Amino acid sequence: MPSSKKKKENVPLVSMAGLIRYYDEDTEKFKIDPKVVFIGSIILIAVIIAISKIIPPP
């Protein structure tokens, strides 16, 4: 019986409640520099504005 008490003491409270922490693992597939995202969004906005000037919406 004492060994089961030790096992229960070592288990975090979050795990005992059935909640799993998904963000503990640091397995990133790829990283994108924030500058690339910022510049890409500005370019996309410029392209959309240019297309709306060339082809006006109905």
PDB file of N, CA and C in Angstrom:
ATOM      1  N   MET A   1       0.800  -1.207   0.000  1.00  0.00           N
ATOM      2  CA  MET A   1       0.000   0.000   0.000  1.00  0.00           C
ATOM      3  C   MET A   1       0.840   1.268   0.000  1.00  0.00           C
ATOM      4  N   PRO A   2       1.966   1.312   0.668  1.00  0.00           N
ATOM      5  CA  PRO A   2       2.763   2.541   0.657  1.00  0.00           C
ATOM      6  C   PRO A   2       3.276   2.911  -0.729  1.00  0.00           C
ATOM      7  N   SER A   3       3.555   1.914  -1.591  1.00  0.00           N
ATOM      8  CA  SER A   3       4.060   2.239  -2.920  1.00  0.00           C
ATOM      9  C   SER A   3       3.005   2.956  -3.753  1.00  0.00           C
ATOM     10  N   SER A   4       1.730   2.622  -3.581  1.00  0.00           N
ATOM     11  CA  SER A   4       0.687   3.312  -4.333  1.00  0.00           C
ATOM     12  C   SER A   4       0.530   4.753  -3.854  1.00  0.00           C
ATOM     13  N   LYS A   5       0.792   5.015  -2.578  1.00  0.00           N
ATOM     14  CA  LYS A   5       0.730   6.386  -2.087  1.00  0.00           C
ATOM     15  C   LYS A   5       1.836   7.220  -2.709  1.00  0.00           C
ATOM     16  N   LYS A   6       3.015   6.659  -2.877  1.00  0.00           N
ATOM     17  CA  LYS A   6       4.112   7.384  -3.492  1.00  0.00           C
ATOM     18  C   LYS A   6       3.795   7.701  -4.948  1.00  0.00           C
ATOM     19  N   LYS A   7       3.182   6.762  -5.647  1.00  0.00           N
ATOM     20  CA  LYS A   7       2.823   6.996  -7.038  1.00  0.00           C
ATOM     21  C   LYS A   7       1.803   8.123  -7.145  1.00  0.00           C
ATOM     22  N   LYS A   8       0.835   8.138  -6.243  1.00  0.00           N
ATOM     23  CA  LYS A   8      -0.175   9.189  -6.286  1.00  0.00           C
ATOM     24  C   LYS A   8       0.417  10.550  -5.926  1.00  0.00           C
ATOM     25  N   GLU A   9       1.405  10.571  -5.063  1.00  0.00           N
ATOM     26  CA  GLU A   9       2.015  11.839  -4.671  1.00  0.00           C
ATOM     27  C   GLU A   9       2.848  12.425  -5.814  1.00  0.00           C
ATOM     28  N   ASN A  10       3.414  11.581  -6.659  1.00  0.00           N
ATOM     29  CA  ASN A  10       4.260  12.052  -7.749  1.00  0.00           C
ATOM     30  C   ASN A  10       3.456  12.526  -8.959  1.00  0.00           C
ATOM     31  N   VAL A  11       2.194  12.166  -9.058  1.00  0.00           N
ATOM     32  CA  VAL A  11       1.368  12.555 -10.200  1.00  0.00           C
ATOM     33  C   VAL A  11       0.906  13.995  -9.994  1.00  0.00           C
ATOM     34  N   PRO A  12       1.120  14.853 -10.986  1.00  0.00           N
ATOM     35  CA  PRO A  12       0.661  16.235 -10.843  1.00  0.00           C
ATOM     36  C   PRO A  12      -0.859  16.313 -10.733  1.00  0.00           C
ATOM     37  N   LEU A  13      -1.327  17.348 -10.077  1.00  0.00           N
ATOM     38  CA  LEU A  13      -2.753  17.528  -9.866  1.00  0.00           C
ATOM     39  C   LEU A  13      -3.490  17.696 -11.180  1.00  0.00           C
ATOM     40  N   VAL A  14      -2.858  18.323 -12.153  1.00  0.00           N
ATOM     41  CA  VAL A  14      -3.488  18.538 -13.455  1.00  0.00           C
ATOM     42  C   VAL A  14      -3.764  17.198 -14.125  1.00  0.00           C
ATOM     43  N   SER A  15      -2.820  16.276 -14.031  1.00  0.00           N
ATOM     44  CA  SER A  15      -3.007  14.964 -14.648  1.00  0.00           C
ATOM     45  C   SER A  15      -4.073  14.166 -13.911  1.00  0.00           C
ATOM     46  N   MET A  16      -4.146  14.344 -12.620  1.00  0.00           N
ATOM     47  CA  MET A  16      -5.154  13.619 -11.844  1.00  0.00           C
ATOM     48  C   MET A  16      -6.556  14.086 -12.215  1.00  0.00           C
ATOM     49  N   ALA A  17      -6.706  15.327 -12.598  1.00  0.00           N
ATOM     50  CA  ALA A  17      -8.015  15.856 -12.966  1.00  0.00           C
ATOM     51  C   ALA A  17      -8.394  15.467 -14.392  1.00  0.00           C
ATOM     52  N   GLY A  18      -7.498  14.845 -15.128  1.00  0.00           N
ATOM     53  CA  GLY A  18      -7.780  14.422 -16.497  1.00  0.00           C
ATOM     54  C   GLY A  18      -7.401  15.472 -17.521  1.00  0.00           C
ATOM     55  N   LEU A  19      -6.711  16.509 -17.093  1.00  0.00           N
ATOM     56  CA  LEU A  19      -6.297  17.557 -18.020  1.00  0.00           C
ATOM     57  C   LEU A  19      -4.884  17.264 -18.486  1.00  0.00           C
ATOM     58  N   ILE A  20      -4.687  17.328 -19.784  1.00  0.00           N
ATOM     59  CA  ILE A  20      -3.376  17.021 -20.346  1.00  0.00           C
ATOM     60  C   ILE A  20      -2.780  18.320 -20.867  1.00  0.00           C
ATOM     61  N   ARG A  21      -1.511  18.510 -20.612  1.00  0.00           N
ATOM     62  CA  ARG A  21      -0.835  19.719 -21.079  1.00  0.00           C
ATOM     63  C   ARG A  21      -0.190  19.417 -22.426  1.00  0.00           C
ATOM     64  N   TYR A  22      -0.802  19.925 -23.484  1.00  0.00           N
ATOM     65  CA  TYR A  22      -0.327  19.640 -24.833  1.00  0.00           C
ATOM     66  C   TYR A  22       0.878  20.490 -25.207  1.00  0.00           C
ATOM     67  N   TYR A  23       1.063  21.599 -24.539  1.00  0.00           N
ATOM     68  CA  TYR A  23       2.100  22.529 -24.957  1.00  0.00           C
ATOM     69  C   TYR A  23       3.431  22.294 -24.262  1.00  0.00           C
ATOM     70  N   ASP A  24       3.553  21.226 -23.500  1.00  0.00           N
ATOM     71  CA  ASP A  24       4.819  20.924 -22.863  1.00  0.00           C
ATOM     72  C   ASP A  24       5.864  20.475 -23.872  1.00  0.00           C
ATOM     73  N   GLU A  25       5.431  19.781 -24.891  1.00  0.00           N
ATOM     74  CA  GLU A  25       6.365  19.276 -25.893  1.00  0.00           C
ATOM     75  C   GLU A  25       6.792  20.408 -26.807  1.00  0.00           C
ATOM     76  N   ASP A  26       8.066  20.477 -27.071  1.00  0.00           N
ATOM     77  CA  ASP A  26       8.594  21.514 -27.943  1.00  0.00           C
ATOM     78  C   ASP A  26       8.956  20.893 -29.288  1.00  0.00           C
ATOM     79  N   THR A  27       7.931  20.467 -30.022  1.00  0.00           N
ATOM     80  CA  THR A  27       8.155  19.832 -31.321  1.00  0.00           C
ATOM     81  C   THR A  27       7.579  20.747 -32.394  1.00  0.00           C
ATOM     82  N   GLU A  28       8.343  21.750 -32.768  1.00  0.00           N
ATOM     83  CA  GLU A  28       7.903  22.663 -33.805  1.00  0.00           C
ATOM     84  C   GLU A  28       8.309  22.106 -35.163  1.00  0.00           C
ATOM     85  N   LYS A  29       7.386  22.128 -36.084  1.00  0.00           N
ATOM     86  CA  LYS A  29       7.675  21.613 -37.418  1.00  0.00           C
ATOM     87  C   LYS A  29       8.531  22.604 -38.197  1.00  0.00           C
ATOM     88  N   PHE A  30       8.173  23.873 -38.156  1.00  0.00           N
ATOM     89  CA  PHE A  30       8.956  24.891 -38.823  1.00  0.00           C
ATOM     90  C   PHE A  30       8.709  26.218 -38.116  1.00  0.00           C
ATOM     91  N   LYS A  31       9.657  27.107 -38.274  1.00  0.00           N
ATOM     92  CA  LYS A  31       9.529  28.429 -37.685  1.00  0.00           C
ATOM     93  C   LYS A  31       9.516  29.466 -38.801  1.00  0.00           C
ATOM     94  N   ILE A  32       8.634  30.449 -38.666  1.00  0.00           N
ATOM     95  CA  ILE A  32       8.581  31.555 -39.603  1.00  0.00           C
ATOM     96  C   ILE A  32       8.937  32.813 -38.824  1.00  0.00           C
ATOM     97  N   ASP A  33       9.865  33.560 -39.364  1.00  0.00           N
ATOM     98  CA  ASP A  33      10.276  34.804 -38.736  1.00  0.00           C
ATOM     99  C   ASP A  33       9.101  35.793 -38.747  1.00  0.00           C
ATOM    100  N   PRO A  34       8.845  36.483 -37.651  1.00  0.00           N
ATOM    101  CA  PRO A  34       7.737  37.444 -37.611  1.00  0.00           C
ATOM    102  C   PRO A  34       7.843  38.535 -38.679  1.00  0.00           C
ATOM    103  N   LYS A  35       9.065  38.884 -39.056  1.00  0.00           N
ATOM    104  CA  LYS A  35       9.246  39.888 -40.112  1.00  0.00           C
ATOM    105  C   LYS A  35       8.672  39.387 -41.441  1.00  0.00           C
ATOM    106  N   VAL A  36       8.863  38.107 -41.720  1.00  0.00           N
ATOM    107  CA  VAL A  36       8.349  37.530 -42.966  1.00  0.00           C
ATOM    108  C   VAL A  36       6.825  37.573 -42.970  1.00  0.00           C
ATOM    109  N   VAL A  37       6.208  37.261 -41.855  1.00  0.00           N
ATOM    110  CA  VAL A  37       4.744  37.298 -41.760  1.00  0.00           C
ATOM    111  C   VAL A  37       4.244  38.729 -41.938  1.00  0.00           C
ATOM    112  N   PHE A  38       4.909  39.676 -41.309  1.00  0.00           N
ATOM    113  CA  PHE A  38       4.506  41.086 -41.395  1.00  0.00           C
ATOM    114  C   PHE A  38       4.623  41.602 -42.827  1.00  0.00           C
ATOM    115  N   ILE A  39       5.759  41.359 -43.464  1.00  0.00           N
ATOM    116  CA  ILE A  39       5.972  41.823 -44.841  1.00  0.00           C
ATOM    117  C   ILE A  39       5.023  41.112 -45.802  1.00  0.00           C
ATOM    118  N   GLY A  40       4.812  39.832 -45.575  1.00  0.00           N
ATOM    119  CA  GLY A  40       3.889  39.083 -46.425  1.00  0.00           C
ATOM    120  C   GLY A  40       2.462  39.599 -46.333  1.00  0.00           C
ATOM    121  N   SER A  41       2.049  39.968 -45.133  1.00  0.00           N
ATOM    122  CA  SER A  41       0.686  40.492 -44.981  1.00  0.00           C
ATOM    123  C   SER A  41       0.544  41.856 -45.656  1.00  0.00           C
ATOM    124  N   ILE A  42       1.580  42.685 -45.576  1.00  0.00           N
ATOM    125  CA  ILE A  42       1.534  43.991 -46.245  1.00  0.00           C
ATOM    126  C   ILE A  42       1.471  43.809 -47.764  1.00  0.00           C
ATOM    127  N   ILE A  43       2.255  42.873 -48.275  1.00  0.00           N
ATOM    128  CA  ILE A  43       2.226  42.602 -49.717  1.00  0.00           C
ATOM    129  C   ILE A  43       0.858  42.077 -50.136  1.00  0.00           C
ATOM    130  N   LEU A  44       0.283  41.196 -49.359  1.00  0.00           N
ATOM    131  CA  LEU A  44      -1.044  40.650 -49.677  1.00  0.00           C
ATOM    132  C   LEU A  44      -2.099  41.752 -49.680  1.00  0.00           C
ATOM    133  N   ILE A  45      -2.045  42.653 -48.710  1.00  0.00           N
ATOM    134  CA  ILE A  45      -2.993  43.767 -48.667  1.00  0.00           C
ATOM    135  C   ILE A  45      -2.826  44.652 -49.900  1.00  0.00           C
ATOM    136  N   ALA A  46      -1.572  44.930 -50.282  1.00  0.00           N
ATOM    137  CA  ALA A  46      -1.315  45.762 -51.461  1.00  0.00           C
ATOM    138  C   ALA A  46      -1.842  45.102 -52.730  1.00  0.00           C
ATOM    139  N   VAL A  47      -1.661  43.795 -52.848  1.00  0.00           N
ATOM    140  CA  VAL A  47      -2.155  43.073 -54.030  1.00  0.00           C
ATOM    141  C   VAL A  47      -3.677  43.118 -54.090  1.00  0.00           C
ATOM    142  N   ILE A  48      -4.333  42.945 -52.948  1.00  0.00           N
ATOM    143  CA  ILE A  48      -5.799  42.969 -52.921  1.00  0.00           C
ATOM    144  C   ILE A  48      -6.316  44.356 -53.284  1.00  0.00           C
ATOM    145  N   ILE A  49      -5.673  45.401 -52.777  1.00  0.00           N
ATOM    146  CA  ILE A  49      -6.088  46.767 -53.120  1.00  0.00           C
ATOM    147  C   ILE A  49      -5.869  47.029 -54.607  1.00  0.00           C
ATOM    148  N   ALA A  50      -4.731  46.577 -55.145  1.00  0.00           N
ATOM    149  CA  ALA A  50      -4.458  46.779 -56.575  1.00  0.00           C
ATOM    150  C   ALA A  50      -5.463  46.047 -57.437  1.00  0.00           C
ATOM    151  N   ILE A  51      -5.813  44.832 -57.074  1.00  0.00           N
ATOM    152  CA  ILE A  51      -6.783  44.067 -57.861  1.00  0.00           C
ATOM    153  C   ILE A  51      -8.163  44.722 -57.782  1.00  0.00           C
ATOM    154  N   SER A  52      -8.522  45.246 -56.605  1.00  0.00           N
ATOM    155  CA  SER A  52      -9.833  45.897 -56.487  1.00  0.00           C
ATOM    156  C   SER A  52      -9.898  47.199 -57.285  1.00  0.00           C
ATOM    157  N   LYS A  53      -8.753  47.852 -57.512  1.00  0.00           N
ATOM    158  CA  LYS A  53      -8.726  49.064 -58.348  1.00  0.00           C
ATOM    159  C   LYS A  53      -8.837  48.694 -59.818  1.00  0.00           C
ATOM    160  N   ILE A  54      -8.180  47.593 -60.217  1.00  0.00           N
ATOM    161  CA  ILE A  54      -8.200  47.170 -61.618  1.00  0.00           C
ATOM    162  C   ILE A  54      -9.565  46.589 -61.983  1.00  0.00           C
ATOM    163  N   ILE A  55     -10.051  45.682 -61.156  1.00  0.00           N
ATOM    164  CA  ILE A  55     -11.334  45.033 -61.399  1.00  0.00           C
ATOM    165  C   ILE A  55     -12.277  45.454 -60.279  1.00  0.00           C
ATOM    166  N   PRO A  56     -13.081  46.473 -60.495  1.00  0.00           N
ATOM    167  CA  PRO A  56     -13.973  46.933 -59.421  1.00  0.00           C
ATOM    168  C   PRO A  56     -15.057  45.891 -59.117  1.00  0.00           C
ATOM    169  N   PRO A  57     -15.440  45.795 -57.878  1.00  0.00           N
ATOM    170  CA  PRO A  57     -16.485  44.834 -57.543  1.00  0.00           C
ATOM    171  C   PRO A  57     -17.817  45.258 -58.142  1.00  0.00           C
ATOM    172  N   PRO A  58     -18.690  44.313 -58.438  1.00  0.00           N
ATOM    173  CA  PRO A  58     -19.980  44.644 -59.085  1.00  0.00           C
ATOM    174  C   PRO A  58     -20.891  45.458 -58.180  1.00  0.00           C
TER     175      PRO A  58
END
